[in-house]
Amino acid sequence: MMERRVKIADMKQLAKKFVRYKEGAVLYSMGLSKFQQMAHDAGATYKVDKLVLVNLEKFEQYLETFAEEI
């Protein structure tokens, strides 16, 4: 069991902070245009020349605002 916890901790360290639109859409299982719109609304986009990166920390904070309370 301890070995599994180490692996999970290692995975968190390997997680990316920034992704491109296509990778983020796959990661969050949503359409590309929906991910682009939500990333823009979250203020999580960074444009460098023609490259756009999405900050996943900001995106996840924005995504949490849609959580339904039971």
Foldseek 3Di string as FASTA:
>chain_A
DVVVVVVVVVVVVVDDQKDFQVVVCVVVVHDSVVSVVLQVVLVQWDDDPPGIIGGVVSSVVSVVVPDDDD
